[in-house]
Protein backbone atom coordinates (compact mmCIF):
# COMPACT_ATOMS: atom_id res chain seq x y z
CA UNK A 1 3.77 -14.99 -3.13
CA UNK A 2 5.06 -14.85 0.45
CA UNK A 3 1.91 -15.28 2.55
CA UNK A 4 3.70 -14.73 5.85
CA UNK A 5 5.13 -11.40 4.63
CA UNK A 6 1.74 -10.35 3.30
CA UNK A 7 0.13 -11.20 6.64
CA UNK A 8 2.75 -9.16 8.50
CA UNK A 9 1.99 -6.24 6.17
CA UNK A 10 -1.75 -6.60 6.85
CA UNK A 11 -1.17 -6.56 10.61
CA UNK A 12 0.68 -3.23 10.28
CA UNK A 13 -1.95 -1.74 7.97
CA UNK A 14 -4.71 -2.68 10.42
CA UNK A 15 -2.96 -0.49 13.01
CA UNK A 16 -3.11 2.69 10.89
CA UNK A 17 -5.56 4.97 12.70
CA UNK A 18 -8.67 6.42 11.08
CA UNK A 19 -7.73 9.64 9.26
CA UNK A 20 -4.05 8.75 8.88
CA UNK A 21 -1.98 7.22 6.07
CA UNK A 22 1.39 5.60 5.61
CA UNK A 23 3.59 4.56 2.71
CA UNK A 24 4.64 1.26 1.22
CA UNK A 25 8.24 2.07 2.11
CA UNK A 26 7.46 2.93 5.74
CA UNK A 27 5.77 -0.44 6.18
CA UNK A 28 8.67 -2.25 4.51
CA UNK A 29 11.18 -0.45 6.75
CA UNK A 30 9.18 -1.32 9.86
CA UNK A 31 9.17 -4.98 8.84
CA UNK A 32 12.96 -4.94 8.39
CA UNK A 33 12.72 -5.19 4.62
CA UNK A 34 13.55 -1.61 3.63
CA UNK A 35 14.03 -2.51 -0.04
CA UNK A 36 10.68 -4.28 -0.30
CA UNK A 37 8.24 -1.40 -0.79
CA UNK A 38 7.11 -2.97 -4.05
CA UNK A 39 6.31 -6.22 -2.25
CA UNK A 40 4.20 -4.25 0.23
CA UNK A 41 2.35 -2.90 -2.82
CA UNK A 42 1.73 -6.44 -4.02
CA UNK A 43 0.37 -7.29 -0.58
CA UNK A 44 -2.00 -4.31 -0.79
CA UNK A 45 -3.14 -5.44 -4.25
CA UNK A 46 -4.02 -8.84 -2.79
CA UNK A 47 -5.46 -7.51 0.49
CA UNK A 48 -9.04 -8.20 -0.59
CA UNK A 49 -8.24 -11.89 -0.07
CA UNK A 50 -7.19 -11.44 3.59
CA UNK A 51 -9.28 -13.15 6.25
CA UNK A 52 -10.05 -9.84 8.01
CA UNK A 53 -10.67 -6.45 6.36
CA UNK A 54 -7.50 -4.48 5.59
CA UNK A 55 -7.80 -0.68 5.22
CA UNK A 56 -5.62 -0.67 2.10
CA UNK A 57 -6.82 2.82 1.15
CA UNK A 58 -4.57 4.18 3.92
CA UNK A 59 -1.39 3.07 2.13
CA UNK A 60 0.04 5.36 -0.55
CA UNK A 61 3.41 6.02 -2.13
CA UNK A 62 6.15 8.06 -0.44
CA UNK A 63 4.85 11.27 -2.01
CA UNK A 64 1.24 10.77 -0.94
CA UNK A 65 0.08 9.67 -4.40
CA UNK A 66 -2.76 7.14 -4.64
CA UNK A 67 -0.79 4.72 -6.80
CA UNK A 68 -2.94 1.73 -5.78
CA UNK A 69 -6.28 3.29 -6.68
CA UNK A 70 -6.78 1.04 -9.72
CA UNK A 71 -7.02 -2.01 -7.46
CA UNK A 72 -10.20 -0.82 -5.74
CA UNK A 73 -12.56 -1.80 -8.56
CA UNK A 74 -14.28 1.61 -8.68
CA UNK A 75 -12.08 4.41 -10.11
CA UNK A 76 -12.49 6.90 -7.25
CA UNK A 77 -13.17 4.56 -4.33
CA UNK A 78 -9.74 4.98 -2.71
CA UNK A 79 -10.09 8.77 -2.84
CA UNK A 80 -13.66 8.59 -1.49
CA UNK A 81 -12.57 6.40 1.43
CA UNK A 82 -9.74 8.78 2.32
CA UNK A 83 -11.97 11.84 2.05
CA UNK A 84 -14.57 10.15 4.28
CA UNK A 85 -11.80 10.09 6.91
CA UNK A 86 -11.10 13.82 6.48
CA UNK A 87 -8.08 13.49 4.17
CA UNK A 88 -8.23 15.89 1.23
CA UNK A 89 -7.09 14.52 -2.14
CA UNK A 90 -6.48 16.48 -5.35
CA UNK A 91 -5.32 14.96 -8.63
CA UNK A 92 -4.74 11.58 -6.91
CA UNK A 93 -2.41 13.13 -4.31
CA UNK A 94 -3.01 13.73 -0.61
CA UNK A 95 -2.90 17.42 0.27
CA UNK A 96 -0.74 18.07 3.37
CA UNK A 97 0.54 14.48 3.25
CA UNK A 98 3.00 15.12 6.10
CA UNK A 99 0.11 16.14 8.38
CA UNK A 100 -1.60 12.75 7.92
CA UNK A 101 1.50 10.57 7.69
CA UNK A 102 1.65 7.78 10.26
CA UNK A 103 5.08 6.18 10.73
CA UNK A 104 4.93 2.63 12.08
CA UNK A 105 8.56 2.93 13.23
CA UNK A 106 7.47 5.63 15.67
CA UNK A 107 3.99 4.37 16.50
CA UNK A 108 4.42 0.60 16.88
CA UNK A 109 6.73 -1.48 18.99
CA UNK A 110 8.87 -3.98 17.12
């Protein structure tokens, strides 16, 4: 496990605004590791061990699917957290994903 990479991922995820989401691949691209979306997923799976809270529920796959939902302990917790932020989810997929998508490449300075 690459702790420094995971910590860089967590710093990006902490910047995702309330009511917005991003993808594993968008985070990987922002960190200069475009082919490392899966590693971002591993970081999200381990995010409960981070020193500060990480809003992992705001990270989904490139199609807006809640692929990490099984790592939240409670089956529908990820969906509930997103819906509490005004993001509608049906069949484990964010409705109007593009509307809620937050791109760190556009929103954060390198």
